[in-house]
Amino acid sequence: MTIARLSLADNLVQATGLRPLKRVYVRGRERGDVVLVAVGPVETEAMLTALANQEAQLGQVLERRTQTATELTGMI
């Protein structure tokens, strides 16, 4: 399912000329959110995926995932 969401987001970003894909956020109706954040150079196509429940502070989730993605970039 994550791959399908990422593919859809990538197609949208490509169609609108907003390349490269940096972050994808999907809000669920009942069970929470999915956040995908790019890790490393565009060529790696690596994404960090996080799931957050509805009570989570989305700003904090996004900030922490971005920090983690930056840390992981050094490992790629």
PDB file of N, CA and C in Angstrom:
ATOM      1  N   MET A   1       0.813  -1.188   0.000  1.00  0.00           N
ATOM      2  CA  MET A   1       0.000   0.000   0.000  1.00  0.00           C
ATOM      3  C   MET A   1       0.861   1.257   0.000  1.00  0.00           C
ATOM      4  N   THR A   2       1.958   1.245   0.752  1.00  0.00           N
ATOM      5  CA  THR A   2       2.849   2.403   0.786  1.00  0.00           C
ATOM      6  C   THR A   2       3.415   2.689  -0.588  1.00  0.00           C
ATOM      7  N   ILE A   3       3.777   1.655  -1.305  1.00  0.00           N
ATOM      8  CA  ILE A   3       4.332   1.831  -2.649  1.00  0.00           C
ATOM      9  C   ILE A   3       3.296   2.461  -3.575  1.00  0.00           C
ATOM     10  N   ALA A   4       2.059   2.043  -3.463  1.00  0.00           N
ATOM     11  CA  ALA A   4       1.004   2.616  -4.301  1.00  0.00           C
ATOM     12  C   ALA A   4       0.818   4.101  -3.988  1.00  0.00           C
ATOM     13  N   ARG A   5       0.832   4.467  -2.717  1.00  0.00           N
ATOM     14  CA  ARG A   5       0.701   5.881  -2.330  1.00  0.00           C
ATOM     15  C   ARG A   5       1.886   6.688  -2.825  1.00  0.00           C
ATOM     16  N   LEU A   6       3.066   6.127  -2.670  1.00  0.00           N
ATOM     17  CA  LEU A   6       4.269   6.810  -3.121  1.00  0.00           C
ATOM     18  C   LEU A   6       4.254   6.996  -4.625  1.00  0.00           C
ATOM     19  N   SER A   7       3.837   5.980  -5.347  1.00  0.00           N
ATOM     20  CA  SER A   7       3.761   6.060  -6.805  1.00  0.00           C
ATOM     21  C   SER A   7       2.759   7.133  -7.237  1.00  0.00           C
ATOM     22  N   LEU A   8       1.611   7.160  -6.592  1.00  0.00           N
ATOM     23  CA  LEU A   8       0.606   8.175  -6.898  1.00  0.00           C
ATOM     24  C   LEU A   8       1.150   9.571  -6.618  1.00  0.00           C
ATOM     25  N   ALA A   9       1.786   9.744  -5.473  1.00  0.00           N
ATOM     26  CA  ALA A   9       2.359  11.046  -5.118  1.00  0.00           C
ATOM     27  C   ALA A   9       3.461  11.433  -6.094  1.00  0.00           C
ATOM     28  N   ASP A  10       4.298  10.488  -6.472  1.00  0.00           N
ATOM     29  CA  ASP A  10       5.382  10.761  -7.411  1.00  0.00           C
ATOM     30  C   ASP A  10       4.828  11.178  -8.772  1.00  0.00           C
ATOM     31  N   ASN A  11       3.781  10.508  -9.226  1.00  0.00           N
ATOM     32  CA  ASN A  11       3.156  10.883 -10.500  1.00  0.00           C
ATOM     33  C   ASN A  11       2.582  12.293 -10.424  1.00  0.00           C
ATOM     34  N   LEU A  12       1.960  12.630  -9.320  1.00  0.00           N
ATOM     35  CA  LEU A  12       1.393  13.961  -9.145  1.00  0.00           C
ATOM     36  C   LEU A  12       2.488  15.025  -9.145  1.00  0.00           C
ATOM     37  N   VAL A  13       3.560  14.761  -8.406  1.00  0.00           N
ATOM     38  CA  VAL A  13       4.670  15.709  -8.340  1.00  0.00           C
ATOM     39  C   VAL A  13       5.310  15.877  -9.719  1.00  0.00           C
ATOM     40  N   GLN A  14       5.459  14.791 -10.422  1.00  0.00           N
ATOM     41  CA  GLN A  14       6.047  14.845 -11.763  1.00  0.00           C
ATOM     42  C   GLN A  14       5.144  15.633 -12.720  1.00  0.00           C
ATOM     43  N   ALA A  15       3.852  15.411 -12.651  1.00  0.00           N
ATOM     44  CA  ALA A  15       2.909  16.088 -13.544  1.00  0.00           C
ATOM     45  C   ALA A  15       2.848  17.588 -13.281  1.00  0.00           C
ATOM     46  N   THR A  16       3.068  17.987 -12.030  1.00  0.00           N
ATOM     47  CA  THR A  16       2.991  19.403 -11.689  1.00  0.00           C
ATOM     48  C   THR A  16       4.347  20.099 -11.749  1.00  0.00           C
ATOM     49  N   GLY A  17       5.405  19.344 -12.011  1.00  0.00           N
ATOM     50  CA  GLY A  17       6.739  19.932 -12.113  1.00  0.00           C
ATOM     51  C   GLY A  17       7.360  20.276 -10.771  1.00  0.00           C
ATOM     52  N   LEU A  18       6.903  19.655  -9.701  1.00  0.00           N
ATOM     53  CA  LEU A  18       7.415  19.948  -8.360  1.00  0.00           C
ATOM     54  C   LEU A  18       8.513  18.979  -7.918  1.00  0.00           C
ATOM     55  N   ARG A  19       9.222  18.388  -8.851  1.00  0.00           N
ATOM     56  CA  ARG A  19      10.278  17.428  -8.546  1.00  0.00           C
ATOM     57  C   ARG A  19      11.407  18.090  -7.791  1.00  0.00           C
ATOM     58  N   PRO A  20      12.181  17.413  -7.001  1.00  0.00           N
ATOM     59  CA  PRO A  20      12.011  16.022  -6.601  1.00  0.00           C
ATOM     60  C   PRO A  20      11.013  15.886  -5.448  1.00  0.00           C
ATOM     61  N   LEU A  21      10.497  14.683  -5.309  1.00  0.00           N
ATOM     62  CA  LEU A  21       9.557  14.376  -4.237  1.00  0.00           C
ATOM     63  C   LEU A  21      10.296  14.443  -2.903  1.00  0.00           C
ATOM     64  N   LYS A  22       9.780  15.221  -1.980  1.00  0.00           N
ATOM     65  CA  LYS A  22      10.436  15.424  -0.699  1.00  0.00           C
ATOM     66  C   LYS A  22       9.662  14.805   0.460  1.00  0.00           C
ATOM     67  N   ARG A  23       8.331  14.945   0.442  1.00  0.00           N
ATOM     68  CA  ARG A  23       7.523  14.451   1.553  1.00  0.00           C
ATOM     69  C   ARG A  23       6.108  14.151   1.064  1.00  0.00           C
ATOM     70  N   VAL A  24       5.527  13.060   1.580  1.00  0.00           N
ATOM     71  CA  VAL A  24       4.144  12.703   1.267  1.00  0.00           C
ATOM     72  C   VAL A  24       3.418  12.518   2.593  1.00  0.00           C
ATOM     73  N   TYR A  25       2.240  13.101   2.659  1.00  0.00           N
ATOM     74  CA  TYR A  25       1.431  13.010   3.869  1.00  0.00           C
ATOM     75  C   TYR A  25       0.036  12.562   3.460  1.00  0.00           C
ATOM     76  N   VAL A  26      -0.445  11.471   4.089  1.00  0.00           N
ATOM     77  CA  VAL A  26      -1.775  10.955   3.786  1.00  0.00           C
ATOM     78  C   VAL A  26      -2.570  10.891   5.083  1.00  0.00           C
ATOM     79  N   ARG A  27      -3.698  11.580   5.129  1.00  0.00           N
ATOM     80  CA  ARG A  27      -4.545  11.574   6.321  1.00  0.00           C
ATOM     81  C   ARG A  27      -5.628  10.514   6.147  1.00  0.00           C
ATOM     82  N   GLY A  28      -5.686   9.587   7.084  1.00  0.00           N
ATOM     83  CA  GLY A  28      -6.717   8.566   7.070  1.00  0.00           C
ATOM     84  C   GLY A  28      -8.009   9.078   7.695  1.00  0.00           C
ATOM     85  N   ARG A  29      -9.097   8.453   7.374  1.00  0.00           N
ATOM     86  CA  ARG A  29     -10.388   8.878   7.930  1.00  0.00           C
ATOM     87  C   ARG A  29     -10.535   8.510   9.398  1.00  0.00           C
ATOM     88  N   GLU A  30     -10.096   7.326   9.750  1.00  0.00           N
ATOM     89  CA  GLU A  30     -10.370   6.836  11.097  1.00  0.00           C
ATOM     90  C   GLU A  30      -9.133   6.438  11.887  1.00  0.00           C
ATOM     91  N   ARG A  31      -8.095   5.991  11.232  1.00  0.00           N
ATOM     92  CA  ARG A  31      -7.016   5.339  11.968  1.00  0.00           C
ATOM     93  C   ARG A  31      -5.731   6.134  12.049  1.00  0.00           C
ATOM     94  N   GLY A  32      -5.675   7.339  11.486  1.00  0.00           N
ATOM     95  CA  GLY A  32      -4.463   8.132  11.613  1.00  0.00           C
ATOM     96  C   GLY A  32      -3.857   8.516  10.279  1.00  0.00           C
ATOM     97  N   ASP A  33      -2.556   8.780  10.307  1.00  0.00           N
ATOM     98  CA  ASP A  33      -1.854   9.335   9.159  1.00  0.00           C
ATOM     99  C   ASP A  33      -0.655   8.492   8.764  1.00  0.00           C
ATOM    100  N   VAL A  34      -0.253   8.645   7.501  1.00  0.00           N
ATOM    101  CA  VAL A  34       0.965   8.044   6.979  1.00  0.00           C
ATOM    102  C   VAL A  34       1.830   9.189   6.475  1.00  0.00           C
ATOM    103  N   VAL A  35       3.094   9.191   6.893  1.00  0.00           N
ATOM    104  CA  VAL A  35       4.035  10.218   6.460  1.00  0.00           C
ATOM    105  C   VAL A  35       5.224   9.521   5.814  1.00  0.00           C
ATOM    106  N   LEU A  36       5.569   9.936   4.597  1.00  0.00           N
ATOM    107  CA  LEU A  36       6.748   9.432   3.909  1.00  0.00           C
ATOM    108  C   LEU A  36       7.685  10.612   3.673  1.00  0.00           C
ATOM    109  N   VAL A  37       8.950  10.447   4.038  1.00  0.00           N
ATOM    110  CA  VAL A  37       9.936  11.519   3.893  1.00  0.00           C
ATOM    111  C   VAL A  37      11.117  10.970   3.111  1.00  0.00           C
ATOM    112  N   ALA A  38      11.574  11.726   2.103  1.00  0.00           N
ATOM    113  CA  ALA A  38      12.717  11.319   1.290  1.00  0.00           C
ATOM    114  C   ALA A  38      13.970  11.235   2.154  1.00  0.00           C
ATOM    115  N   VAL A  39      14.794  10.223   1.878  1.00  0.00           N
ATOM    116  CA  VAL A  39      16.051  10.034   2.581  1.00  0.00           C
ATOM    117  C   VAL A  39      17.166  10.015   1.542  1.00  0.00           C
ATOM    118  N   GLY A  40      18.139  10.885   1.712  1.00  0.00           N
ATOM    119  CA  GLY A  40      19.307  10.883   0.831  1.00  0.00           C
ATOM    120  C   GLY A  40      19.042  11.532  -0.516  1.00  0.00           C
ATOM    121  N   PRO A  41      20.003  11.353  -1.408  1.00  0.00           N
ATOM    122  CA  PRO A  41      19.880  11.952  -2.737  1.00  0.00           C
ATOM    123  C   PRO A  41      18.714  11.352  -3.516  1.00  0.00           C
ATOM    124  N   VAL A  42      18.209  12.098  -4.464  1.00  0.00           N
ATOM    125  CA  VAL A  42      17.060  11.676  -5.266  1.00  0.00           C
ATOM    126  C   VAL A  42      17.323  10.324  -5.919  1.00  0.00           C
ATOM    127  N   GLU A  43      18.552  10.089  -6.334  1.00  0.00           N
ATOM    128  CA  GLU A  43      18.875   8.847  -7.049  1.00  0.00           C
ATOM    129  C   GLU A  43      18.617   7.593  -6.213  1.00  0.00           C
ATOM    130  N   THR A  44      18.691   7.706  -4.886  1.00  0.00           N
ATOM    131  CA  THR A  44      18.505   6.516  -4.046  1.00  0.00           C
ATOM    132  C   THR A  44      17.045   6.107  -3.967  1.00  0.00           C
ATOM    133  N   GLU A  45      16.142   7.055  -4.143  1.00  0.00           N
ATOM    134  CA  GLU A  45      14.702   6.811  -4.054  1.00  0.00           C
ATOM    135  C   GLU A  45      14.299   6.192  -2.724  1.00  0.00           C
ATOM    136  N   ALA A  46      15.083   6.447  -1.671  1.00  0.00           N
ATOM    137  CA  ALA A  46      14.776   5.914  -0.345  1.00  0.00           C
ATOM    138  C   ALA A  46      13.769   6.818   0.352  1.00  0.00           C
ATOM    139  N   MET A  47      12.810   6.204   1.049  1.00  0.00           N
ATOM    140  CA  MET A  47      11.787   6.945   1.784  1.00  0.00           C
ATOM    141  C   MET A  47      11.659   6.353   3.186  1.00  0.00           C
ATOM    142  N   LEU A  48      11.502   7.223   4.164  1.00  0.00           N
ATOM    143  CA  LEU A  48      11.221   6.831   5.537  1.00  0.00           C
ATOM    144  C   LEU A  48       9.708   6.894   5.714  1.00  0.00           C
ATOM    145  N   THR A  49       9.113   5.818   6.203  1.00  0.00           N
ATOM    146  CA  THR A  49       7.666   5.764   6.385  1.00  0.00           C
ATOM    147  C   THR A  49       7.334   5.757   7.871  1.00  0.00           C
ATOM    148  N   ALA A  50       6.379   6.585   8.252  1.00  0.00           N
ATOM    149  CA  ALA A  50       5.936   6.637   9.649  1.00  0.00           C
ATOM    150  C   ALA A  50       4.416   6.606   9.689  1.00  0.00           C
ATOM    151  N   LEU A  51       3.893   5.914  10.685  1.00  0.00           N
ATOM    152  CA  LEU A  51       2.455   5.875  10.928  1.00  0.00           C
ATOM    153  C   LEU A  51       2.178   6.637  12.217  1.00  0.00           C
ATOM    154  N   ALA A  52       1.147   7.456  12.218  1.00  0.00           N
ATOM    155  CA  ALA A  52       0.799   8.235  13.409  1.00  0.00           C
ATOM    156  C   ALA A  52      -0.690   8.093  13.675  1.00  0.00           C
ATOM    157  N   ASN A  53      -1.050   7.913  14.941  1.00  0.00           N
ATOM    158  CA  ASN A  53      -2.478   7.831  15.254  1.00  0.00           C
ATOM    159  C   ASN A  53      -3.106   9.218  15.207  1.00  0.00           C
ATOM    160  N   GLN A  54      -4.413   9.280  15.306  1.00  0.00           N
ATOM    161  CA  GLN A  54      -5.127  10.547  15.158  1.00  0.00           C
ATOM    162  C   GLN A  54      -4.790  11.566  16.250  1.00  0.00           C
ATOM    163  N   GLU A  55      -4.375  11.100  17.412  1.00  0.00           N
ATOM    164  CA  GLU A  55      -4.062  12.001  18.510  1.00  0.00           C
ATOM    165  C   GLU A  55      -2.665  12.590  18.424  1.00  0.00           C
ATOM    166  N   ALA A  56      -1.836  12.083  17.538  1.00  0.00           N
ATOM    167  CA  ALA A  56      -0.445  12.547  17.424  1.00  0.00           C
ATOM    168  C   ALA A  56      -0.401  14.007  16.969  1.00  0.00           C
ATOM    169  N   GLN A  57       0.584  14.729  17.467  1.00  0.00           N
ATOM    170  CA  GLN A  57       0.820  16.098  17.035  1.00  0.00           C
ATOM    171  C   GLN A  57       1.561  16.044  15.702  1.00  0.00           C
ATOM    172  N   LEU A  58       0.857  16.302  14.615  1.00  0.00           N
ATOM    173  CA  LEU A  58       1.415  16.116  13.282  1.00  0.00           C
ATOM    174  C   LEU A  58       2.675  16.941  13.046  1.00  0.00           C
ATOM    175  N   GLY A  59       2.714  18.155  13.532  1.00  0.00           N
ATOM    176  CA  GLY A  59       3.903  18.989  13.364  1.00  0.00           C
ATOM    177  C   GLY A  59       5.129  18.341  13.975  1.00  0.00           C
ATOM    178  N   GLN A  60       4.976  17.750  15.148  1.00  0.00           N
ATOM    179  CA  GLN A  60       6.087  17.063  15.803  1.00  0.00           C
ATOM    180  C   GLN A  60       6.476  15.801  15.048  1.00  0.00           C
ATOM    181  N   VAL A  61       5.493  15.082  14.544  1.00  0.00           N
ATOM    182  CA  VAL A  61       5.768  13.864  13.770  1.00  0.00           C
ATOM    183  C   VAL A  61       6.581  14.233  12.520  1.00  0.00           C
ATOM    184  N   LEU A  62       6.139  15.256  11.800  1.00  0.00           N
ATOM    185  CA  LEU A  62       6.850  15.674  10.589  1.00  0.00           C
ATOM    186  C   LEU A  62       8.260  16.151  10.903  1.00  0.00           C
ATOM    187  N   GLU A  63       8.415  16.937  11.956  1.00  0.00           N
ATOM    188  CA  GLU A  63       9.728  17.453  12.325  1.00  0.00           C
ATOM    189  C   GLU A  63      10.685  16.327  12.688  1.00  0.00           C
ATOM    190  N   ARG A  64      10.210  15.392  13.495  1.00  0.00           N
ATOM    191  CA  ARG A  64      11.080  14.274  13.919  1.00  0.00           C
ATOM    192  C   ARG A  64      11.429  13.371  12.743  1.00  0.00           C
ATOM    193  N   ARG A  65      10.487  13.100  11.853  1.00  0.00           N
ATOM    194  CA  ARG A  65      10.767  12.258  10.687  1.00  0.00           C
ATOM    195  C   ARG A  65      11.778  12.939   9.765  1.00  0.00           C
ATOM    196  N   THR A  66      11.684  14.251   9.634  1.00  0.00           N
ATOM    197  CA  THR A  66      12.634  14.989   8.804  1.00  0.00           C
ATOM    198  C   THR A  66      14.026  14.923   9.420  1.00  0.00           C
ATOM    199  N   GLN A  67      14.115  15.055  10.741  1.00  0.00           N
ATOM    200  CA  GLN A  67      15.402  14.935  11.432  1.00  0.00           C
ATOM    201  C   GLN A  67      15.986  13.535  11.244  1.00  0.00           C
ATOM    202  N   THR A  68      15.140  12.528  11.394  1.00  0.00           N
ATOM    203  CA  THR A  68      15.594  11.144  11.230  1.00  0.00           C
ATOM    204  C   THR A  68      16.057  10.900   9.798  1.00  0.00           C
ATOM    205  N   ALA A  69      15.341  11.419   8.818  1.00  0.00           N
ATOM    206  CA  ALA A  69      15.727  11.264   7.415  1.00  0.00           C
ATOM    207  C   ALA A  69      17.088  11.887   7.171  1.00  0.00           C
ATOM    208  N   THR A  70      17.337  13.038   7.774  1.00  0.00           N
ATOM    209  CA  THR A  70      18.640  13.703   7.634  1.00  0.00           C
ATOM    210  C   THR A  70      19.741  12.836   8.235  1.00  0.00           C
ATOM    211  N   GLU A  71      19.483  12.248   9.400  1.00  0.00           N
ATOM    212  CA  GLU A  71      20.456  11.363  10.036  1.00  0.00           C
ATOM    213  C   GLU A  71      20.727  10.133   9.182  1.00  0.00           C
ATOM    214  N   LEU A  72      19.682   9.575   8.596  1.00  0.00           N
ATOM    215  CA  LEU A  72      19.826   8.375   7.764  1.00  0.00           C
ATOM    216  C   LEU A  72      20.564   8.661   6.464  1.00  0.00           C
ATOM    217  N   THR A  73      20.494   9.892   5.986  1.00  0.00           N
ATOM    218  CA  THR A  73      21.181  10.253   4.752  1.00  0.00           C
ATOM    219  C   THR A  73      22.675   9.944   4.850  1.00  0.00           C
ATOM    220  N   GLY A  74      23.252  10.161   6.007  1.00  0.00           N
ATOM    221  CA  GLY A  74      24.674   9.876   6.216  1.00  0.00           C
ATOM    222  C   GLY A  74      25.017   8.403   6.133  1.00  0.00           C
ATOM    223  N   MET A  75      24.020   7.529   6.215  1.00  0.00           N
ATOM    224  CA  MET A  75      24.245   6.087   6.177  1.00  0.00           C
ATOM    225  C   MET A  75      24.097   5.501   4.775  1.00  0.00           C
ATOM    226  N   ILE A  76      23.568   6.298   3.864  1.00  0.00           N
ATOM    227  CA  ILE A  76      23.313   5.770   2.515  1.00  0.00           C
ATOM    228  C   ILE A  76      24.536   5.980   1.647  1.00  0.00           C
TER     229      ILE A  76
END
